[in-house]
Structure formats: C-alpha cells, structure tokens
Amino acid sequence: MTKKALTIAGSDSGGGAGIQADLRTFSFHCVHGMSAVTCVTAQNTQGVSRVDGLSPEAVVAQVRAVVTDIGVDGAKTGMLLNEGIIEVVAEVVQELGIYPLVVDPVMVSRTGSQLIDERAIATLTSCLLPQATILTPNRYEAQLLSGLELNNLADMQQAAQKIYQLGSKAVLVKGGGMTGALKGVDVWFDGDNLTVFKTETVDTPHTHGTGCTLSAAIAAQLALGASPSDAVEQAKNYVTQALHYAIPLGQGTGPVGHFFPLLPDLTP
C-alpha cells in the first residue's frame, strides 16, 4: 500500500521551503504527502515580508482530519510559529500517536536569527522535543538547546549528546551552518551510537529549503520503513543530489532541485 507522510509546517509562497518543499520531497520518495498549515508567509528568494499564523484550533483540525481518515506512516514538524500552536501540536501528536516523528525545531535560522520567542522555545523544548523520533537542529539551534558554542567537530558531538538528554530518541546536529571542512558534516547520537555523516560539499549559493527538505526526506524514509540512521543517510544523499541541481530563481537565494530526476542531462 502507498505510504503516507504528514508535514505540520508553514507555507512558503516562493515555493522553496516549508510545506511546498516537504510535499515535493514526499513525492520524490513516492510517499503520499499531506499537510497541516501552521502559518502563511509572504516570501520570495530575497526574504520574508509577512507572516500570518493560523489559529491553534485550525492547525489541530487539519491534523485530525488526515490522521483519523487516511492515517500516517511518518510525520515531520517545521515552523510552528508560536507557543499556542506548539502546545496543541504536541498534544495531538501524543493523543493520536503520530510516530515516527521528525522534529525540525525551526527556532533559529541558519544565519543565526531567532525565529520564535523565548516562551515558544521553552514550550517546544519541554512538550514536543521529547516526542521526537529524530530531532534535527542546525548549528545555532544546537547551541541554544545545549548551551554550548559549536566551533569544531568535538563541540558538535558534545552538543548532540547533551541535546539527547532533552528526551528525543535521536539527535542529528546539522553542520550546514558550520565553516570550512565541517560545512555539511552532521553528527548523530541515539544514546548508543555517535556517528558522523558527511557527504560531498556542493558549491552553490542556491540552498533555500535545505533544512525542510532534509527533515521531510527523513520522514519519508521512516514512513517507507527505513531505520532512523539509514533514513538520515538516504535523506542526506537526496539533499546532496538536489543541491547539484539547485534552481537559480529570482534575485536572491534559489531553492534546491527537488525534482532533479526529471531534468535533462543528469550528470552533475
């Protein structure tokens, strides 16, 4: 039977990240994608000009509608925007047993800008993170969650182990925000295994949506039955290939090429 995956995240009007990226990633993996929209953004390749959040009740209604009828084999969360939405999402995840669950915390951008307020961060940390099958913080989110500065591989490894104590079953500290040889190096810890994942570095300025795409690909792989560590490895390979075919749209940072197998001349 067709596997189903749910994304609970914000809408990107420019189509490069958020639920748009998630649904394209699900389709690539031949997984039926469903969505619960948390907020609507007005954005393009140059940035975000407006964000409108949905009510917590509207978000939960979307989740209930798909889970109680269609069912879910894997899910991910992205931008949850505020404390109210985070609280109800955490409650409905537990109530309906929406697992496996990938939590992309979306608290701090890859450039270091905080995206949600302190109360929302506290609620996310206490209510939703402990329910994650895999938590995927970027460099700055990992610093916030661990209280450590991340400047080298040892720092990343220590942060992964410390964040694991917050309750998720596994942590993937992403190195996209790191510099030099550590750019693109991710650190995994699941309580037993401390693993370094590394793929080739792709030299492109068009990287919009990489974090969303990675977490969605992990969720799709989990829905298909992959083990958590295998899901991460396969997802990283997918994102690397998508970066090879990044799309130079607009006047700013373009998105990765989610549908690269459909493009001609597939040799990177």
Protein backbone atom coordinates (compact mmCIF):
# COMPACT_ATOMS: atom_id res chain seq x y z
CA MET A 1 0.00 0.00 0.00
CA THR A 2 1.04 3.58 -0.55
CA LYS A 3 2.80 5.05 2.44
CA LYS A 4 1.61 8.39 3.84
CA ALA A 5 3.56 11.24 5.39
CA LEU A 6 2.34 14.42 7.09
CA THR A 7 4.06 17.77 7.34
CA ILE A 8 2.96 20.23 10.02
CA ALA A 9 4.64 23.44 8.93
CA GLY A 10 4.34 26.87 7.36
CA SER A 11 3.64 27.81 3.76
CA ASP A 12 6.39 29.40 1.65
CA SER A 13 4.78 31.48 -1.10
CA GLY A 14 8.05 31.32 -3.04
CA GLY A 15 7.84 27.53 -3.12
CA GLY A 16 11.38 26.83 -1.94
CA ALA A 17 10.86 25.73 1.65
CA GLY A 18 8.06 24.92 4.10
CA ILE A 19 5.20 22.66 3.12
CA GLN A 20 5.88 23.21 -0.58
CA ALA A 21 9.37 21.73 -0.26
CA ASP A 22 8.09 18.99 2.04
CA LEU A 23 5.37 17.84 -0.35
CA ARG A 24 7.75 17.77 -3.31
CA THR A 25 10.20 15.75 -1.25
CA PHE A 26 7.48 13.28 -0.25
CA SER A 27 6.52 12.90 -3.92
CA PHE A 28 10.11 12.19 -4.91
CA HIS A 29 10.09 9.28 -2.45
CA CYS A 30 6.75 8.00 -3.80
CA VAL A 31 5.09 8.76 -0.47
CA HIS A 32 1.65 10.37 -0.38
CA GLY A 33 2.08 13.79 1.20
CA MET A 34 -0.41 15.53 3.48
CA SER A 35 -0.12 18.89 5.22
CA ALA A 36 -1.32 20.87 8.20
CA VAL A 37 -0.50 24.53 7.60
CA THR A 38 0.56 26.49 10.69
CA CYS A 39 1.22 29.87 9.10
CA VAL A 40 1.20 31.61 5.74
CA THR A 41 4.26 33.60 4.73
CA ALA A 42 4.74 36.20 2.04
CA GLN A 43 8.26 35.47 0.88
CA ASN A 44 10.47 35.09 -2.15
CA THR A 45 14.14 34.38 -2.83
CA GLN A 46 15.12 37.60 -1.08
CA GLY A 47 13.34 37.12 2.23
CA VAL A 48 10.11 37.11 4.23
CA SER A 49 7.93 40.22 4.24
CA ARG A 50 4.91 38.97 6.21
CA VAL A 51 3.82 36.03 8.38
CA ASP A 52 0.22 35.25 9.36
CA GLY A 53 -0.37 32.44 11.82
CA LEU A 54 -3.40 30.19 11.79
CA SER A 55 -5.32 29.58 14.98
CA PRO A 56 -4.22 26.57 17.05
CA GLU A 57 -7.72 25.13 16.51
CA ALA A 58 -7.34 25.34 12.73
CA VAL A 59 -3.97 23.58 12.86
CA VAL A 60 -5.28 20.73 15.02
CA ALA A 61 -8.36 20.34 12.83
CA GLN A 62 -6.14 19.73 9.80
CA VAL A 63 -4.08 17.14 11.67
CA ARG A 64 -7.15 15.29 12.96
CA ALA A 65 -8.79 15.30 9.53
CA VAL A 66 -5.99 13.44 7.82
CA VAL A 67 -4.84 11.19 10.66
CA THR A 68 -8.29 9.85 11.59
CA ASP A 69 -9.22 9.09 7.98
CA ILE A 70 -6.10 8.47 5.91
CA GLY A 71 -3.58 7.56 8.59
CA VAL A 72 0.09 8.50 8.83
CA ASP A 73 3.21 6.35 8.42
CA GLY A 74 5.62 9.18 9.19
CA ALA A 75 5.45 12.87 10.04
CA LYS A 76 7.55 15.97 10.48
CA THR A 77 7.13 19.37 12.05
CA GLY A 78 8.63 22.56 10.72
CA MET A 79 7.75 26.16 11.53
CA LEU A 80 5.19 26.06 14.36
CA LEU A 81 5.42 29.84 14.89
CA ASN A 82 4.15 30.37 18.45
CA GLU A 83 3.52 28.88 21.86
CA GLY A 84 -0.18 28.18 21.26
CA ILE A 85 0.40 26.17 18.09
CA ILE A 86 3.31 24.27 19.63
CA GLU A 87 1.19 23.27 22.64
CA VAL A 88 -1.70 21.86 20.61
CA VAL A 89 0.58 20.11 18.12
CA ALA A 90 2.41 18.39 20.97
CA GLU A 91 -0.92 17.34 22.48
CA VAL A 92 -2.40 15.96 19.26
CA VAL A 93 0.82 14.11 18.37
CA GLN A 94 0.65 12.29 21.68
CA GLU A 95 -3.10 11.74 21.57
CA LEU A 96 -3.19 10.29 18.04
CA GLY A 97 0.19 8.54 18.22
CA ILE A 98 1.72 10.34 15.26
CA TYR A 99 5.01 8.46 15.02
CA PRO A 100 7.68 8.20 13.77
CA LEU A 101 8.08 11.96 14.10
CA VAL A 102 10.89 14.15 12.81
CA VAL A 103 11.09 17.50 14.61
CA ASP A 104 12.88 20.25 12.73
CA PRO A 105 12.87 22.81 15.57
CA VAL A 106 12.93 25.94 13.33
CA MET A 107 13.89 28.21 16.22
CA VAL A 108 16.92 29.95 14.73
CA SER A 109 17.77 30.45 11.07
CA ARG A 110 20.98 29.10 9.58
CA THR A 111 22.34 32.66 9.71
CA GLY A 112 21.66 32.93 13.43
CA SER A 113 18.42 34.94 13.50
CA GLN A 114 15.94 33.83 16.19
CA LEU A 115 12.58 32.96 14.60
CA ILE A 116 10.32 32.36 17.61
CA ASP A 117 10.16 33.95 21.06
CA GLU A 118 11.56 32.59 24.31
CA ARG A 119 8.22 31.22 25.58
CA ALA A 120 7.69 29.33 22.33
CA ILE A 121 11.21 27.91 22.56
CA ALA A 122 10.57 26.76 26.13
CA THR A 123 7.30 25.09 25.14
CA LEU A 124 8.89 23.40 22.13
CA THR A 125 11.71 22.10 24.31
CA SER A 126 9.51 20.76 27.09
CA CYS A 127 6.47 19.49 25.16
CA LEU A 128 7.42 18.48 21.63
CA LEU A 129 11.13 17.64 21.60
CA PRO A 130 10.69 14.66 23.98
CA GLN A 131 8.28 13.12 21.46
CA ALA A 132 10.70 13.29 18.53
CA THR A 133 11.96 10.14 16.89
CA ILE A 134 14.67 12.31 15.36
CA LEU A 135 15.44 15.94 16.22
CA THR A 136 17.30 17.94 13.55
CA PRO A 137 18.70 21.21 14.97
CA ASN A 138 21.04 23.38 12.91
CA ARG A 139 24.22 24.85 14.38
CA TYR A 140 22.54 27.78 16.13
CA GLU A 141 19.58 25.74 17.39
CA ALA A 142 22.02 23.16 18.74
CA GLN A 143 23.90 25.93 20.54
CA LEU A 144 20.68 27.20 22.08
CA LEU A 145 19.49 23.74 23.14
CA SER A 146 22.85 22.58 24.51
CA GLY A 147 24.17 25.85 25.90
CA LEU A 148 27.45 25.19 24.10
CA GLU A 149 29.34 27.09 21.42
CA LEU A 150 29.84 24.98 18.30
CA ASN A 151 33.16 25.66 16.61
CA ASN A 152 34.53 22.21 15.83
CA LEU A 153 33.53 18.56 15.48
CA ALA A 154 34.09 17.80 19.15
CA ASP A 155 31.70 20.62 20.06
CA MET A 156 29.06 19.18 17.73
CA GLN A 157 29.46 15.73 19.23
CA GLN A 158 29.19 17.06 22.77
CA ALA A 159 26.12 19.11 21.84
CA ALA A 160 24.39 16.11 20.26
CA GLN A 161 24.87 14.08 23.42
CA LYS A 162 23.66 16.91 25.64
CA ILE A 163 20.58 17.63 23.50
CA TYR A 164 19.73 13.92 23.55
CA GLN A 165 19.10 14.31 27.28
CA LEU A 166 16.09 16.51 26.47
CA GLY A 167 14.21 13.34 25.54
CA SER A 168 14.21 12.74 21.79
CA LYS A 169 15.12 9.23 20.64
CA ALA A 170 17.90 10.55 18.41
CA VAL A 171 19.56 13.86 17.57
CA LEU A 172 21.09 14.99 14.29
CA VAL A 173 23.13 18.17 14.72
CA LYS A 174 23.37 19.66 11.24
CA GLY A 175 26.56 21.26 10.03
CA GLY A 176 25.18 23.40 7.23
CA GLY A 177 25.94 26.50 9.28
CA MET A 178 29.48 25.41 10.08
CA THR A 179 32.50 26.62 8.14
CA GLY A 180 35.40 25.06 6.30
CA ALA A 181 35.68 21.29 6.30
CA LEU A 182 32.74 20.98 8.72
CA LYS A 183 30.21 22.52 6.34
CA GLY A 184 27.70 19.79 5.58
CA VAL A 185 29.04 17.46 8.28
CA ASP A 186 26.25 16.24 10.58
CA VAL A 187 26.57 14.49 13.94
CA TRP A 188 24.16 11.76 15.05
CA PHE A 189 23.57 10.47 18.57
CA ASP A 190 20.89 7.97 19.60
CA GLY A 191 22.02 7.10 23.10
CA ASP A 192 24.36 4.36 21.89
CA ASN A 193 25.89 5.44 18.61
CA LEU A 194 27.80 8.67 18.00
CA THR A 195 28.16 8.88 14.22
CA VAL A 196 29.48 11.48 11.79
CA PHE A 197 27.60 11.78 8.50
CA LYS A 198 29.44 13.50 5.68
CA THR A 199 28.60 13.94 2.03
CA GLU A 200 30.34 15.98 -0.62
CA THR A 201 30.13 19.75 -0.37
CA VAL A 202 28.17 21.29 -3.25
CA ASP A 203 29.31 24.78 -4.20
CA THR A 204 26.08 26.67 -4.88
CA PRO A 205 24.51 29.83 -3.44
CA HIS A 206 21.04 28.37 -4.01
CA THR A 207 20.35 26.47 -0.80
CA HIS A 208 16.89 27.71 0.20
CA GLY A 209 14.86 24.96 1.84
CA THR A 210 17.66 22.52 2.59
CA GLY A 211 16.63 22.07 6.24
CA CYS A 212 12.98 21.49 5.39
CA THR A 213 13.95 19.15 2.58
CA LEU A 214 16.26 17.08 4.77
CA SER A 215 13.70 16.59 7.55
CA ALA A 216 10.99 15.77 5.01
CA ALA A 217 13.23 13.22 3.31
CA ILE A 218 13.99 11.62 6.67
CA ALA A 219 10.26 11.44 7.45
CA ALA A 220 9.59 9.87 4.05
CA GLN A 221 12.29 7.27 4.56
CA LEU A 222 10.92 6.44 8.00
CA ALA A 223 7.44 6.08 6.50
CA LEU A 224 8.89 3.63 4.00
CA GLY A 225 10.32 1.53 6.83
CA ALA A 226 13.96 2.60 6.97
CA SER A 227 15.76 2.55 10.31
CA PRO A 228 16.40 6.02 11.75
CA SER A 229 20.12 6.09 10.91
CA ASP A 230 19.54 4.70 7.40
CA ALA A 231 16.78 7.26 6.88
CA VAL A 232 19.23 10.05 7.70
CA GLU A 233 21.90 8.68 5.37
CA GLN A 234 19.48 8.31 2.46
CA ALA A 235 17.99 11.75 3.12
CA LYS A 236 21.42 13.40 3.11
CA ASN A 237 22.21 11.74 -0.23
CA TYR A 238 18.95 13.09 -1.66
CA VAL A 239 19.64 16.64 -0.49
CA THR A 240 23.16 16.49 -1.91
CA GLN A 241 21.83 15.49 -5.33
CA ALA A 242 19.13 18.18 -5.12
CA LEU A 243 21.84 20.77 -4.39
CA HIS A 244 23.65 19.74 -7.57
CA TYR A 245 20.53 20.82 -9.45
CA ALA A 246 19.69 23.90 -7.38
CA ILE A 247 17.46 26.33 -9.27
CA PRO A 248 18.65 29.94 -9.76
CA LEU A 249 15.27 31.64 -9.45
CA GLY A 250 14.56 35.28 -8.61
CA GLN A 251 17.16 37.75 -7.43
CA GLY A 252 18.20 36.02 -4.21
CA THR A 253 18.73 32.51 -2.89
CA GLY A 254 17.04 29.92 -5.06
CA PRO A 255 15.74 26.52 -3.94
CA VAL A 256 17.27 23.09 -4.30
CA GLY A 257 16.14 20.96 -7.24
CA HIS A 258 13.68 18.60 -5.55
CA PHE A 259 12.66 17.03 -8.86
CA PHE A 260 16.16 16.55 -10.31
CA PRO A 261 15.44 13.11 -11.84
CA LEU A 262 13.00 14.81 -14.23
CA LEU A 263 15.63 17.24 -15.50
CA PRO A 264 17.72 16.51 -18.63
CA ASP A 265 21.47 15.85 -18.53
CA LEU A 266 21.57 14.33 -15.08
CA THR A 267 25.36 14.22 -14.74
CA PRO A 268 26.37 16.73 -12.03
